[in-house]
N, C-alpha and C. Protein backbone atom coordinates (compact mmCIF):
# COMPACT_ATOMS: atom_id res chain seq x y z
N MET A 1 6.40 170.74 173.56
CA MET A 1 7.12 171.62 172.70
C MET A 1 6.75 172.84 172.98
N VAL A 2 5.64 173.38 172.94
CA VAL A 2 5.42 174.72 173.41
C VAL A 2 5.39 175.06 174.61
N CYS A 3 4.84 174.13 175.60
CA CYS A 3 5.24 174.84 177.07
C CYS A 3 6.60 174.80 177.24
N GLY A 4 7.60 173.79 176.54
CA GLY A 4 8.81 174.21 176.79
C GLY A 4 9.55 175.63 176.46
N SER A 5 9.04 175.76 175.05
CA SER A 5 9.70 177.30 174.21
C SER A 5 9.05 178.28 175.31
N ARG A 6 7.47 178.11 175.97
CA ARG A 6 7.00 179.39 176.84
C ARG A 6 7.80 179.43 178.32
N ALA A 7 8.76 178.38 178.74
CA ALA A 7 9.13 178.17 179.87
C ALA A 7 10.42 179.08 179.82
N LYS A 8 10.74 178.52 178.33
CA LYS A 8 12.54 179.27 178.05
C LYS A 8 11.81 181.20 177.60
N LEU A 9 11.02 181.65 177.31
CA LEU A 9 10.99 182.23 176.81
C LEU A 9 10.73 183.62 178.56
N GLY A 10 9.62 182.80 179.41
CA GLY A 10 9.46 183.16 180.63
C GLY A 10 10.57 183.35 181.56
N PHE A 11 12.04 182.63 181.15
CA PHE A 11 13.06 182.05 182.06
C PHE A 11 13.64 183.85 181.17
N MET A 12 13.53 184.07 180.06
CA MET A 12 14.74 185.04 179.47
C MET A 12 13.73 186.08 179.95
N GLN A 13 13.01 186.29 179.86
CA GLN A 13 12.20 187.52 180.46
C GLN A 13 12.41 187.81 181.99
N LEU A 14 12.58 186.75 182.77
CA LEU A 14 13.55 186.99 184.39
C LEU A 14 14.55 187.72 183.93
N SER A 15 15.51 186.88 183.05
CA SER A 15 16.99 187.47 183.63
C SER A 15 16.87 188.66 182.17
N ALA A 16 16.10 189.41 182.05
CA ALA A 16 16.36 190.31 180.80
C ALA A 16 17.35 191.71 181.42
N THR A 17 17.71 191.99 180.58
CA THR A 17 18.73 193.02 180.66
C THR A 17 18.03 194.22 180.98
N PRO A 18 18.22 194.87 182.21
CA PRO A 18 18.23 196.21 182.60
C PRO A 18 18.07 197.50 181.65
N TYR A 19 18.94 197.58 180.43
CA TYR A 19 19.33 198.14 179.92
C TYR A 19 20.27 197.92 178.59
N GLU A 20 19.82 198.48 177.42
CA GLU A 20 20.43 197.82 175.84
C GLU A 20 19.70 198.79 175.06
N GLU A 21 21.17 200.01 174.73
CA GLU A 21 20.97 200.78 173.84
C GLU A 21 21.83 200.84 172.95
N ARG A 22 21.12 200.26 171.35
CA ARG A 22 22.07 200.50 170.11
C ARG A 22 22.32 201.93 169.67
N LEU A 23 23.72 202.48 169.68
CA LEU A 23 23.85 203.37 168.79
C LEU A 23 23.30 203.99 167.74
N THR A 24 22.90 203.35 166.80
CA THR A 24 22.57 203.80 165.28
C THR A 24 22.60 205.18 164.97
N ALA A 25 23.46 204.73 163.57
CA ALA A 25 23.62 205.84 162.78
C ALA A 25 22.23 206.33 162.44
N PRO A 26 22.48 208.05 162.40
CA PRO A 26 20.68 208.54 161.76
C PRO A 26 20.33 208.44 160.52
N ARG A 27 19.18 208.48 160.35
CA ARG A 27 18.77 208.15 159.06
C ARG A 27 19.21 209.13 157.81
N SER A 28 19.62 210.43 157.83
CA SER A 28 20.57 210.78 157.20
C SER A 28 21.65 210.26 156.30
N TRP A 29 22.03 209.04 157.21
CA TRP A 29 23.21 208.56 156.87
C TRP A 29 22.93 207.65 155.78
N TRP A 30 21.88 207.02 156.29
CA TRP A 30 21.09 206.10 154.92
C TRP A 30 21.04 206.83 153.82
N LEU A 31 20.23 208.27 153.24
CA LEU A 31 19.98 208.69 152.41
C LEU A 31 21.65 209.00 151.58
N ILE A 32 22.82 209.14 152.66
CA ILE A 32 24.14 209.59 151.88
C ILE A 32 24.38 208.33 151.56
N SER A 33 24.15 206.95 151.87
CA SER A 33 24.52 205.92 151.64
C SER A 33 24.18 205.96 149.90
N PHE A 34 22.34 206.14 150.08
CA PHE A 34 22.36 205.89 148.37
C PHE A 34 23.01 207.06 147.90
N LEU A 35 23.08 208.33 148.13
CA LEU A 35 23.83 209.08 147.04
C LEU A 35 24.81 209.03 146.82
N VAL A 36 25.97 208.08 147.68
CA VAL A 36 26.87 207.34 147.35
C VAL A 36 27.15 206.62 146.18
N GLY A 37 25.77 205.41 146.40
CA GLY A 37 25.67 204.71 145.11
C GLY A 37 25.37 205.48 143.71
N VAL A 38 24.75 206.69 143.79
CA VAL A 38 24.60 207.44 142.53
C VAL A 38 25.50 207.62 142.06
N SER A 39 26.71 208.23 143.06
CA SER A 39 27.46 208.87 142.85
C SER A 39 28.64 207.55 141.48
N PHE A 40 28.47 206.23 142.29
CA PHE A 40 29.32 205.64 141.83
C PHE A 40 28.79 205.20 140.13
N ALA A 41 27.17 205.27 140.23
CA ALA A 41 26.43 204.91 139.50
C ALA A 41 26.67 205.90 137.99
N LEU A 42 27.15 207.14 138.36
CA LEU A 42 27.46 208.62 137.35
C LEU A 42 28.73 207.93 136.87
N ILE A 43 30.01 207.96 137.64
CA ILE A 43 30.85 207.51 137.40
C ILE A 43 30.95 206.13 136.52
N LEU A 44 29.80 205.32 136.36
CA LEU A 44 30.23 204.19 135.68
C LEU A 44 29.23 204.79 134.43
N LEU A 45 28.75 205.14 133.81
CA LEU A 45 27.37 205.82 133.19
C LEU A 45 28.14 205.57 131.88
N PRO A 46 29.53 206.13 131.52
CA PRO A 46 29.87 205.49 129.93
C PRO A 46 30.14 204.31 129.82
N PHE A 47 30.19 203.59 130.62
CA PHE A 47 30.37 201.94 130.14
C PHE A 47 29.37 201.51 130.17
N GLY A 48 28.13 201.93 129.80
CA GLY A 48 26.46 201.17 129.81
C GLY A 48 25.86 201.12 131.14
N THR A 49 24.49 200.91 130.79
CA THR A 49 23.39 200.62 132.10
C THR A 49 23.79 199.57 132.68
N LEU A 50 24.24 198.43 132.21
CA LEU A 50 24.77 197.22 133.54
C LEU A 50 25.52 197.42 134.36
N PRO A 51 26.74 198.17 134.26
CA PRO A 51 27.75 198.55 134.82
C PRO A 51 27.16 199.92 135.73
N LEU A 52 26.44 200.64 135.03
CA LEU A 52 25.67 202.05 135.95
C LEU A 52 24.77 201.21 136.57
N LEU A 53 23.94 200.33 136.81
CA LEU A 53 23.39 199.47 137.74
C LEU A 53 24.29 198.95 138.93
N GLY A 54 25.19 198.28 138.53
CA GLY A 54 26.25 197.81 139.02
C GLY A 54 26.83 198.57 140.30
N GLY A 55 27.13 200.10 140.24
CA GLY A 55 27.63 201.08 140.40
C GLY A 55 26.86 201.53 141.52
N LEU A 56 25.48 201.95 141.02
CA LEU A 56 24.13 201.95 142.06
C LEU A 56 24.04 201.06 143.07
N VAL A 57 24.11 199.62 142.59
CA VAL A 57 24.02 198.82 143.90
C VAL A 57 25.40 198.46 144.68
N GLY A 58 26.45 198.67 144.41
CA GLY A 58 27.77 198.10 144.72
C GLY A 58 28.12 199.23 146.11
N GLY A 59 28.31 200.33 145.00
CA GLY A 59 27.92 201.54 146.04
C GLY A 59 27.06 201.95 147.28
N THR A 60 26.07 201.60 146.61
CA THR A 60 24.96 201.98 147.72
C THR A 60 25.48 200.74 149.12
N ALA A 61 25.34 199.32 148.61
CA ALA A 61 25.59 198.80 149.45
C ALA A 61 26.94 198.93 150.32
N ALA A 62 28.06 199.38 149.41
CA ALA A 62 29.25 199.23 150.27
C ALA A 62 29.34 200.66 151.23
N ALA A 63 28.28 202.09 151.33
CA ALA A 63 28.08 202.83 151.77
C ALA A 63 27.43 202.34 153.28
N ALA A 64 26.65 201.48 153.06
CA ALA A 64 25.39 201.03 153.97
C ALA A 64 26.07 200.32 154.79
N VAL A 65 26.87 199.58 154.29
CA VAL A 65 27.52 198.70 155.31
C VAL A 65 28.53 199.43 156.24
N VAL A 66 29.24 200.64 155.98
CA VAL A 66 30.41 201.41 156.31
C VAL A 66 29.33 202.30 157.42
N ALA A 67 28.21 202.40 157.02
CA ALA A 67 27.21 203.23 157.96
C ALA A 67 26.84 202.06 159.32
N SER A 68 25.91 201.33 158.95
CA SER A 68 25.85 200.31 160.37
C SER A 68 27.08 199.52 160.71
N ALA A 69 27.93 199.76 160.32
CA ALA A 69 29.27 199.05 161.25
C ALA A 69 29.29 200.28 162.15
N TYR A 70 29.28 201.31 161.37
CA TYR A 70 29.68 202.74 162.67
C TYR A 70 28.61 203.14 163.46
N GLY A 71 27.50 202.57 163.19
CA GLY A 71 26.13 202.65 163.85
C GLY A 71 25.85 201.01 164.85
N SER A 72 26.88 200.51 165.06
CA SER A 72 26.58 198.78 165.56
C SER A 72 26.97 199.05 167.15
N PRO A 73 27.45 199.99 167.40
CA PRO A 73 27.83 199.81 169.21
C PRO A 73 26.61 199.87 169.72
N ARG A 74 26.74 199.02 171.06
CA ARG A 74 25.77 198.58 171.97
C ARG A 74 26.42 198.90 173.27
N ILE A 75 25.72 199.84 173.71
CA ILE A 75 25.36 199.93 175.83
C ILE A 75 24.53 198.97 176.08
N ARG A 76 25.58 198.22 177.28
CA ARG A 76 24.35 197.20 177.88
C ARG A 76 24.78 197.40 179.53
N VAL A 77 23.57 197.21 180.37
CA VAL A 77 23.77 196.86 181.49
C VAL A 77 23.64 195.57 182.08
N VAL A 78 24.46 194.18 182.05
CA VAL A 78 24.04 193.12 182.19
C VAL A 78 24.85 192.35 183.15
N GLY A 79 23.84 191.72 184.41
CA GLY A 79 24.16 191.46 185.81
C GLY A 79 24.70 192.28 186.19
N ASP A 80 25.77 191.97 186.53
CA ASP A 80 27.31 192.99 187.30
C ASP A 80 27.97 193.81 186.10
N SER A 81 27.51 194.05 185.03
CA SER A 81 29.00 194.57 183.99
C SER A 81 27.87 195.03 183.29
N LEU A 82 28.54 196.58 183.06
CA LEU A 82 28.04 197.56 182.18
C LEU A 82 29.43 197.18 180.75
N ILE A 83 28.97 196.87 179.17
CA ILE A 83 29.38 196.55 178.51
C ILE A 83 28.55 197.65 177.57
N ALA A 84 29.53 198.60 176.82
CA ALA A 84 30.10 199.73 176.13
C ALA A 84 30.62 199.09 174.74
N GLY A 85 30.50 198.92 174.13
CA GLY A 85 31.20 198.27 172.76
C GLY A 85 31.96 197.24 173.16
N GLU A 86 32.86 197.20 173.11
CA GLU A 86 34.16 196.08 173.35
C GLU A 86 34.51 196.27 174.75
N ALA A 87 34.59 197.00 175.57
CA ALA A 87 34.90 197.17 176.43
C ALA A 87 33.44 196.43 177.73
N LYS A 88 34.21 195.78 178.54
CA LYS A 88 32.84 194.89 179.48
C LYS A 88 33.96 195.32 181.18
N ILE A 89 33.15 196.44 182.06
CA ILE A 89 33.02 197.04 183.23
C ILE A 89 32.62 196.18 183.87
N PRO A 90 32.87 195.63 185.03
CA PRO A 90 31.95 195.45 186.44
C PRO A 90 31.62 196.25 187.12
N VAL A 91 30.55 196.53 187.28
CA VAL A 91 29.66 197.59 187.80
C VAL A 91 30.11 198.23 189.17
N ALA A 92 31.07 197.20 190.50
CA ALA A 92 31.61 197.04 191.38
C ALA A 92 32.61 198.67 191.19
N ALA A 93 33.30 197.98 189.81
CA ALA A 93 34.62 199.15 189.94
C ALA A 93 34.38 200.89 189.25
N LEU A 94 32.62 201.14 189.38
CA LEU A 94 32.31 202.25 188.56
C LEU A 94 31.87 202.95 190.35
N GLY A 95 32.30 204.61 189.62
CA GLY A 95 31.80 205.19 191.03
C GLY A 95 30.84 205.63 190.16
N GLU A 96 30.75 207.56 190.57
CA GLU A 96 29.63 208.41 190.28
C GLU A 96 29.55 208.47 188.40
N ALA A 97 28.02 208.48 188.41
CA ALA A 97 27.86 208.80 187.12
C ALA A 97 26.80 210.08 186.57
N GLN A 98 27.69 210.80 185.93
CA GLN A 98 26.69 212.21 186.21
C GLN A 98 26.67 212.40 184.36
N ILE A 99 24.65 212.77 184.53
CA ILE A 99 24.78 213.20 183.32
C ILE A 99 25.03 214.24 182.41
N LEU A 100 25.49 214.36 181.58
CA LEU A 100 25.75 215.23 180.76
C LEU A 100 24.98 215.72 179.50
N ASP A 101 24.35 216.96 179.62
CA ASP A 101 23.55 217.77 178.15
C ASP A 101 24.52 217.85 177.31
N ALA A 102 23.70 218.44 176.31
CA ALA A 102 24.86 218.77 175.09
C ALA A 102 25.71 219.76 175.14
N GLU A 103 25.54 220.72 175.75
CA GLU A 103 26.41 221.67 176.50
C GLU A 103 28.08 220.93 177.23
N GLU A 104 27.58 220.11 178.55
CA GLU A 104 28.46 219.20 178.90
C GLU A 104 29.42 218.50 177.88
N ALA A 105 28.26 217.70 177.39
CA ALA A 105 28.87 216.89 176.37
C ALA A 105 29.91 216.67 175.65
N ARG A 106 29.69 218.12 175.21
CA ARG A 106 30.69 218.83 174.37
C ARG A 106 31.85 219.51 174.47
N ALA A 107 32.07 219.94 175.94
CA ALA A 107 32.91 220.16 176.92
C ALA A 107 33.85 219.25 176.92
N TRP A 108 33.05 217.69 177.42
CA TRP A 108 33.89 216.45 177.92
C TRP A 108 34.93 215.97 176.70
N ARG A 109 34.01 216.18 175.56
CA ARG A 109 34.28 215.33 174.43
C ARG A 109 35.71 216.18 173.91
N THR A 110 36.16 217.65 174.27
CA THR A 110 36.80 218.48 173.71
C THR A 110 37.98 219.12 174.97
N TYR A 111 37.86 220.03 175.33
CA TYR A 111 38.74 220.49 176.35
C TYR A 111 38.98 219.83 177.55
N LYS A 112 37.86 219.55 178.27
CA LYS A 112 37.82 218.74 179.40
C LYS A 112 38.39 217.03 179.51
N ALA A 113 38.41 216.86 178.35
CA ALA A 113 38.90 215.10 178.25
C ALA A 113 40.36 215.05 178.43
N ASP A 114 40.82 213.82 178.99
CA ASP A 114 41.14 213.28 179.21
C ASP A 114 41.81 212.00 178.39
N THR A 115 43.13 212.17 177.67
CA THR A 115 43.78 211.63 176.86
C THR A 115 43.27 209.32 177.66
N ARG A 116 43.20 209.24 178.72
CA ARG A 116 43.64 207.85 179.47
C ARG A 116 41.84 207.71 179.33
N ALA A 117 40.83 208.29 178.93
CA ALA A 117 39.68 208.25 179.19
C ALA A 117 39.08 207.27 178.17
N PHE A 118 37.85 206.10 178.77
CA PHE A 118 37.53 205.82 177.79
C PHE A 118 36.30 206.16 177.10
N LEU A 119 36.19 206.21 175.70
CA LEU A 119 35.14 207.06 174.89
C LEU A 119 34.00 206.16 173.92
N LEU A 120 33.26 206.27 174.22
CA LEU A 120 32.15 205.47 173.06
C LEU A 120 31.65 206.77 172.96
N LEU A 121 32.39 207.44 171.76
CA LEU A 121 31.99 208.62 171.32
C LEU A 121 30.88 208.46 170.37
N ARG A 122 29.56 208.95 169.70
CA ARG A 122 29.19 209.01 168.13
C ARG A 122 28.82 210.43 168.85
N ALA A 123 29.32 211.59 167.74
CA ALA A 123 29.06 212.58 167.70
C ALA A 123 27.91 212.86 166.91
N TYR A 124 27.01 212.18 167.03
CA TYR A 124 25.63 212.75 166.03
C TYR A 124 24.92 212.53 167.42
N ILE A 125 25.00 212.16 168.41
CA ILE A 125 24.07 211.62 169.60
C ILE A 125 24.50 213.43 170.31
N PRO A 126 24.14 214.03 170.95
CA PRO A 126 24.46 214.95 171.82
C PRO A 126 24.43 214.74 173.26
N THR A 127 23.74 213.84 173.61
CA THR A 127 24.35 214.04 175.48
C THR A 127 24.92 212.40 175.53
N ALA A 128 25.37 212.39 176.94
CA ALA A 128 26.19 211.39 177.25
C ALA A 128 26.33 211.46 178.80
N LEU A 129 26.33 210.11 179.21
CA LEU A 129 27.11 209.95 180.73
C LEU A 129 28.28 209.53 180.81
N ARG A 130 28.52 210.36 181.84
CA ARG A 130 30.27 209.98 182.49
C ARG A 130 30.50 209.44 183.32
N VAL A 131 31.00 208.17 183.55
CA VAL A 131 30.94 207.49 184.89
C VAL A 131 32.42 207.47 185.31
N GLU A 132 32.61 207.61 186.64
CA GLU A 132 34.24 207.34 187.16
C GLU A 132 34.58 206.15 187.42
N VAL A 133 35.69 205.74 187.27
CA VAL A 133 36.30 203.93 187.59
C VAL A 133 37.19 204.65 188.50
N THR A 134 36.50 203.43 189.56
CA THR A 134 37.50 203.58 190.86
C THR A 134 38.17 202.89 191.27
N ASP A 135 38.24 201.60 190.28
CA ASP A 135 39.40 200.94 190.31
C ASP A 135 40.67 201.09 190.77
N PRO A 136 41.57 200.88 191.22
CA PRO A 136 43.10 201.59 191.45
C PRO A 136 43.79 201.03 190.48
N GLN A 137 43.65 199.67 189.96
CA GLN A 137 44.73 198.66 188.90
C GLN A 137 44.26 199.51 187.55
N ASP A 138 42.99 200.11 187.57
CA ASP A 138 42.84 200.56 186.13
C ASP A 138 43.24 201.97 185.79
N PRO A 139 43.93 202.70 185.11
CA PRO A 139 44.59 203.47 184.75
C PRO A 139 43.24 204.95 183.93
N THR A 140 42.34 204.03 183.76
CA THR A 140 41.27 204.69 182.89
C THR A 140 40.45 205.68 184.10
N PRO A 141 40.73 207.31 183.81
CA PRO A 141 39.91 207.83 184.80
C PRO A 141 38.01 208.08 184.95
N TYR A 142 37.64 207.65 183.62
CA TYR A 142 36.39 207.63 183.36
C TYR A 142 35.43 207.35 182.29
N LEU A 143 34.79 206.86 181.82
CA LEU A 143 33.62 206.28 181.10
C LEU A 143 33.32 207.55 180.39
N TYR A 144 33.39 208.05 179.02
CA TYR A 144 32.79 208.93 178.64
C TYR A 144 31.12 207.93 177.51
N LEU A 145 30.29 207.48 178.06
CA LEU A 145 29.57 207.29 176.91
C LEU A 145 28.54 208.38 176.25
N SER A 146 28.22 208.22 174.76
CA SER A 146 27.07 208.76 174.11
C SER A 146 25.95 208.15 174.33
N THR A 147 25.16 208.73 174.69
CA THR A 147 23.70 207.90 175.15
C THR A 147 22.17 209.10 174.59
N ARG A 148 21.59 208.14 174.22
CA ARG A 148 20.57 209.36 174.14
C ARG A 148 19.55 209.20 175.32
N GLU A 149 19.81 207.97 176.14
CA GLU A 149 18.84 207.86 177.82
C GLU A 149 19.82 207.95 178.65
N PRO A 150 20.52 209.53 178.90
CA PRO A 150 21.56 208.91 180.28
C PRO A 150 20.98 209.00 181.08
N GLU A 151 19.94 209.16 181.45
CA GLU A 151 18.75 209.10 182.99
C GLU A 151 18.79 207.87 183.25
N LYS A 152 18.53 206.70 182.20
CA LYS A 152 18.01 205.08 182.02
C LYS A 152 19.52 204.84 182.39
N LEU A 153 20.24 204.66 181.40
CA LEU A 153 21.47 204.60 181.98
C LEU A 153 22.30 204.93 183.17
N ALA A 154 22.18 205.97 183.94
CA ALA A 154 23.10 206.37 185.14
C ALA A 154 21.65 205.07 186.26
N ALA A 155 20.70 205.12 185.94
CA ALA A 155 19.33 204.23 186.77
C ALA A 155 20.25 202.94 186.96
N ALA A 156 19.48 202.06 185.63
CA ALA A 156 20.68 200.97 185.32
C ALA A 156 21.44 200.35 186.16
N ILE A 157 22.68 201.28 185.95
CA ILE A 157 24.42 201.30 186.67
C ILE A 157 23.55 201.51 188.14
N GLU A 158 23.27 201.90 188.51
CA GLU A 158 23.12 202.12 190.22
C GLU A 158 22.05 201.03 190.48
N ALA A 159 21.08 200.56 190.02
CA ALA A 159 20.54 199.63 190.39
C ALA A 159 21.40 198.10 190.23
N ALA A 160 22.20 198.08 189.18
CA ALA A 160 23.32 197.02 188.96
C ALA A 160 23.83 196.75 190.61
N ARG A 161 24.35 197.73 190.43
CA ARG A 161 25.76 198.00 191.69
C ARG A 161 25.06 197.77 193.31
N LYS A 162 23.49 198.06 193.28
CA LYS A 162 23.05 197.66 194.58
C LYS A 162 22.24 196.38 194.43
N ALA A 163 22.26 195.98 193.63
CA ALA A 163 21.84 194.31 193.24
C ALA A 163 22.86 193.30 193.61
N HIS A 164 24.44 194.10 193.42
CA HIS A 164 25.20 193.03 193.08
C HIS A 164 26.63 193.32 194.50
N ALA A 165 25.66 193.78 195.36
CA ALA A 165 27.04 194.48 196.68
C ALA A 165 26.85 193.96 197.55
């Protein structure tokens, strides 16, 4: 039984994802979640200790669920596909990847943005990757992906494109 588990683990490592990133919310958002809970507790203070504790726990939990849900999208390069949030795009349909520093990323989020583009945008991540879509059937001109490691993501897309060309 142990050998079978090791064999499965070895197989999983051979087919490991070349790139995976979760766009988690910053730590300050968790503090804000707690402060939302404190606010609910203060609102319920006149009703007694038990409602106060319920407000603290319930408010904190609700705010934490919202922060966690907003910070849950993943960017992955798996096999011959780029998976960004709920979008799955074959790397063969992708063109040149442009690494955007904080200044360029801000420009592509604002005045350079195209309304037809696919944006996986998280304002708390300053850097991004802009990838052109070369599929003539797809009206999306490019993907804008907020990422903390744009160089690694660009390299993973290029490696996947070469491996499946």
